[in-house]
C-alpha atoms as a PDB file:
ATOM      1  CA  MET A   1    -136.906 -96.706-159.027  1.00  0.00           C
ATOM      2  CA  LYS A   2    -137.101 -93.032-158.122  1.00  0.00           C
ATOM      3  CA  SER A   3    -135.237 -92.016-154.953  1.00  0.00           C
ATOM      4  CA  ASP A   4    -136.918 -89.833-152.377  1.00  0.00           C
ATOM      5  CA  THR A   5    -134.795 -86.669-152.094  1.00  0.00           C
ATOM      6  CA  ARG A   6    -136.694 -85.545-148.997  1.00  0.00           C
ATOM      7  CA  LEU A   7    -134.739 -88.098-146.989  1.00  0.00           C
ATOM      8  CA  LEU A   8    -131.450 -86.607-148.157  1.00  0.00           C
ATOM      9  CA  THR A   9    -132.182 -82.998-147.295  1.00  0.00           C
ATOM     10  CA  ALA A  10    -131.267 -81.560-143.928  1.00  0.00           C
ATOM     11  CA  SER A  11    -133.979 -80.640-141.504  1.00  0.00           C
ATOM     12  CA  PRO A  12    -134.567 -76.929-140.914  1.00  0.00           C
ATOM     13  CA  PRO A  13    -132.237 -75.406-138.320  1.00  0.00           C
ATOM     14  CA  HIS A  14    -133.362 -74.788-134.769  1.00  0.00           C
ATOM     15  CA  PRO A  15    -134.888 -71.261-134.509  1.00  0.00           C
ATOM     16  CA  GLN A  16    -132.156 -70.174-132.078  1.00  0.00           C
ATOM     17  CA  ALA A  17    -129.332 -71.627-134.158  1.00  0.00           C
ATOM     18  CA  ALA A  18    -126.881 -69.146-135.617  1.00  0.00           C
ATOM     19  CA  LYS A  19    -128.072 -67.805-138.953  1.00  0.00           C
ATOM     20  CA  ALA A  20    -125.867 -67.654-142.015  1.00  0.00           C
ATOM     21  CA  GLY A  21    -123.646 -64.605-141.730  1.00  0.00           C
ATOM     22  CA  ASP A  22    -123.873 -64.385-137.938  1.00  0.00           C
ATOM     23  CA  SER A  23    -120.447 -64.257-136.382  1.00  0.00           C
ATOM     24  CA  ASP A  24    -119.320 -66.121-133.303  1.00  0.00           C
ATOM     25  CA  LYS A  25    -119.186 -62.772-131.523  1.00  0.00           C
ATOM     26  CA  ASP A  26    -122.859 -62.104-132.281  1.00  0.00           C
ATOM     27  CA  TYR A  27    -123.736 -65.563-130.986  1.00  0.00           C
ATOM     28  CA  LEU A  28    -121.814 -65.003-127.745  1.00  0.00           C
ATOM     29  CA  GLU A  29    -123.142 -61.442-127.244  1.00  0.00           C
ATOM     30  CA  ALA A  30    -126.817 -62.274-127.806  1.00  0.00           C
ATOM     31  CA  LEU A  31    -129.071 -62.123-124.762  1.00  0.00           C
ATOM     32  CA  ILE A  32    -130.753 -65.405-123.873  1.00  0.00           C
ATOM     33  CA  THR A  33    -133.504 -66.274-121.416  1.00  0.00           C
ATOM     34  CA  GLU A  34    -132.994 -67.844-118.023  1.00  0.00           C
ATOM     35  CA  ALA A  35    -134.345 -71.146-119.362  1.00  0.00           C
ATOM     36  CA  ASP A  36    -131.887 -71.107-122.279  1.00  0.00           C
ATOM     37  CA  ALA A  37    -129.007 -70.188-119.963  1.00  0.00           C
ATOM     38  CA  ALA A  38    -129.933 -73.021-117.609  1.00  0.00           C
ATOM     39  CA  GLU A  39    -130.008 -75.459-120.513  1.00  0.00           C
ATOM     40  CA  PHE A  40    -126.660 -74.112-121.769  1.00  0.00           C
ATOM     41  CA  LEU A  41    -125.104 -74.753-118.336  1.00  0.00           C
ATOM     42  CA  SER A  42    -127.029 -77.992-117.662  1.00  0.00           C
ATOM     43  CA  PHE A  43    -128.567 -76.627-114.456  1.00  0.00           C
ATOM     44  CA  ALA A  44    -132.158 -76.010-113.436  1.00  0.00           C
ATOM     45  CA  PRO A  45    -133.520 -72.458-113.900  1.00  0.00           C
ATOM     46  CA  ARG A  46    -134.175 -72.400-110.154  1.00  0.00           C
ATOM     47  CA  THR A  47    -130.441 -72.883-109.542  1.00  0.00           C
ATOM     48  CA  LEU A  48    -129.704 -69.740-111.569  1.00  0.00           C
ATOM     49  CA  ALA A  49    -132.333 -67.855-109.563  1.00  0.00           C
ATOM     50  CA  ASN A  50    -130.685 -68.988-106.319  1.00  0.00           C
ATOM     51  CA  TRP A  51    -127.271 -67.868-107.545  1.00  0.00           C
ATOM     52  CA  ARG A  52    -128.675 -64.467-108.495  1.00  0.00           C
ATOM     53  CA  PHE A  53    -130.070 -64.080-104.975  1.00  0.00           C
ATOM     54  CA  ARG A  54    -127.079 -65.470-103.065  1.00  0.00           C
ATOM     55  CA  GLY A  55    -124.264 -64.557-105.440  1.00  0.00           C
ATOM     56  CA  GLY A  56    -121.648 -66.770-107.011  1.00  0.00           C
ATOM     57  CA  GLY A  57    -123.403 -67.385-110.314  1.00  0.00           C
ATOM     58  CA  PRO A  58    -122.725 -66.011-113.771  1.00  0.00           C
ATOM     59  CA  LYS A  59    -123.229 -62.339-114.595  1.00  0.00           C
ATOM     60  CA  PHE A  60    -126.705 -61.405-115.827  1.00  0.00           C
ATOM     61  CA  VAL A  61    -128.686 -58.437-117.125  1.00  0.00           C
ATOM     62  CA  ARG A  62    -131.724 -57.330-115.130  1.00  0.00           C
ATOM     63  CA  PHE A  63    -134.389 -55.398-117.042  1.00  0.00           C
ATOM     64  CA  ARG A  64    -137.112 -55.543-114.398  1.00  0.00           C
ATOM     65  CA  ALA A  65    -137.578 -57.345-111.108  1.00  0.00           C
ATOM     66  CA  ARG A  66    -138.573 -60.576-112.894  1.00  0.00           C
ATOM     67  CA  THR A  67    -136.922 -60.128-116.259  1.00  0.00           C
ATOM     68  CA  VAL A  68    -133.326 -61.270-116.521  1.00  0.00           C
ATOM     69  CA  ARG A  69    -131.175 -62.302-119.456  1.00  0.00           C
ATOM     70  CA  TYR A  70    -127.731 -63.809-119.843  1.00  0.00           C
ATOM     71  CA  ARG A  71    -125.013 -63.489-122.458  1.00  0.00           C
ATOM     72  CA  ARG A  72    -123.397 -66.721-123.577  1.00  0.00           C
ATOM     73  CA  LYS A  73    -119.954 -65.130-123.281  1.00  0.00           C
ATOM     74  CA  ASP A  74    -120.601 -64.473-119.568  1.00  0.00           C
ATOM     75  CA  LEU A  75    -121.732 -68.068-119.094  1.00  0.00           C
ATOM     76  CA  VAL A  76    -118.597 -69.360-120.818  1.00  0.00           C
ATOM     77  CA  ALA A  77    -116.384 -67.032-118.733  1.00  0.00           C
ATOM     78  CA  TRP A  78    -118.083 -68.225-115.544  1.00  0.00           C
ATOM     79  CA  LEU A  79    -117.459 -71.845-116.532  1.00  0.00           C
ATOM     80  CA  GLU A  80    -113.823 -71.132-117.431  1.00  0.00           C
ATOM     81  CA  ASP A  81    -113.273 -69.608-113.967  1.00  0.00           C
ATOM     82  CA  ARG A  82    -114.342 -72.902-112.430  1.00  0.00           C
ATOM     83  CA  LEU A  83    -112.015 -75.200-114.329  1.00  0.00           C
ATOM     84  CA  VAL A  84    -109.757 -77.282-112.105  1.00  0.00           C
ATOM     85  CA  SER A  85    -107.206 -79.973-112.907  1.00  0.00           C
ATOM     86  CA  ASN A  86    -107.575 -82.068-109.759  1.00  0.00           C
ATOM     87  CA  THR A  87    -109.896 -82.573-106.794  1.00  0.00           C
ATOM     88  CA  SER A  88    -107.728 -80.671-104.321  1.00  0.00           C
ATOM     89  CA  GLU A  89    -108.037 -77.439-106.326  1.00  0.00           C
ATOM     90  CA  ARG A  90    -110.898 -75.089-105.538  1.00  0.00           C
ATOM     91  CA  PRO A  91    -112.539 -73.040-108.274  1.00  0.00           C
ATOM     92  CA  ASP A  92    -112.052 -69.286-108.040  1.00  0.00           C
ATOM     93  CA  ALA A  93    -114.876 -67.541-106.192  1.00  0.00           C
ATOM     94  CA  ALA A  94    -116.773 -65.075-108.348  1.00  0.00           C
END
């Protein structure tokens, strides 16, 4: 009985997955869309838009009035600033 090797091969990587040879720094420095940033943070894109307007959200790059991008390293830094060890602690205001 001949085995089907197609079942043993890995599926192609996601188009936004790091390519062979890309460093972690390149991955963290790359600009991503608002939708990708929202998915990365597990928030709605509208929440990011509100934070941009009101303040308090992660840093972003504005190219035009409606074109913004985020760097993963800024998203990670923003998350790290909000880490707390108990419920009586308040995250640092950004």
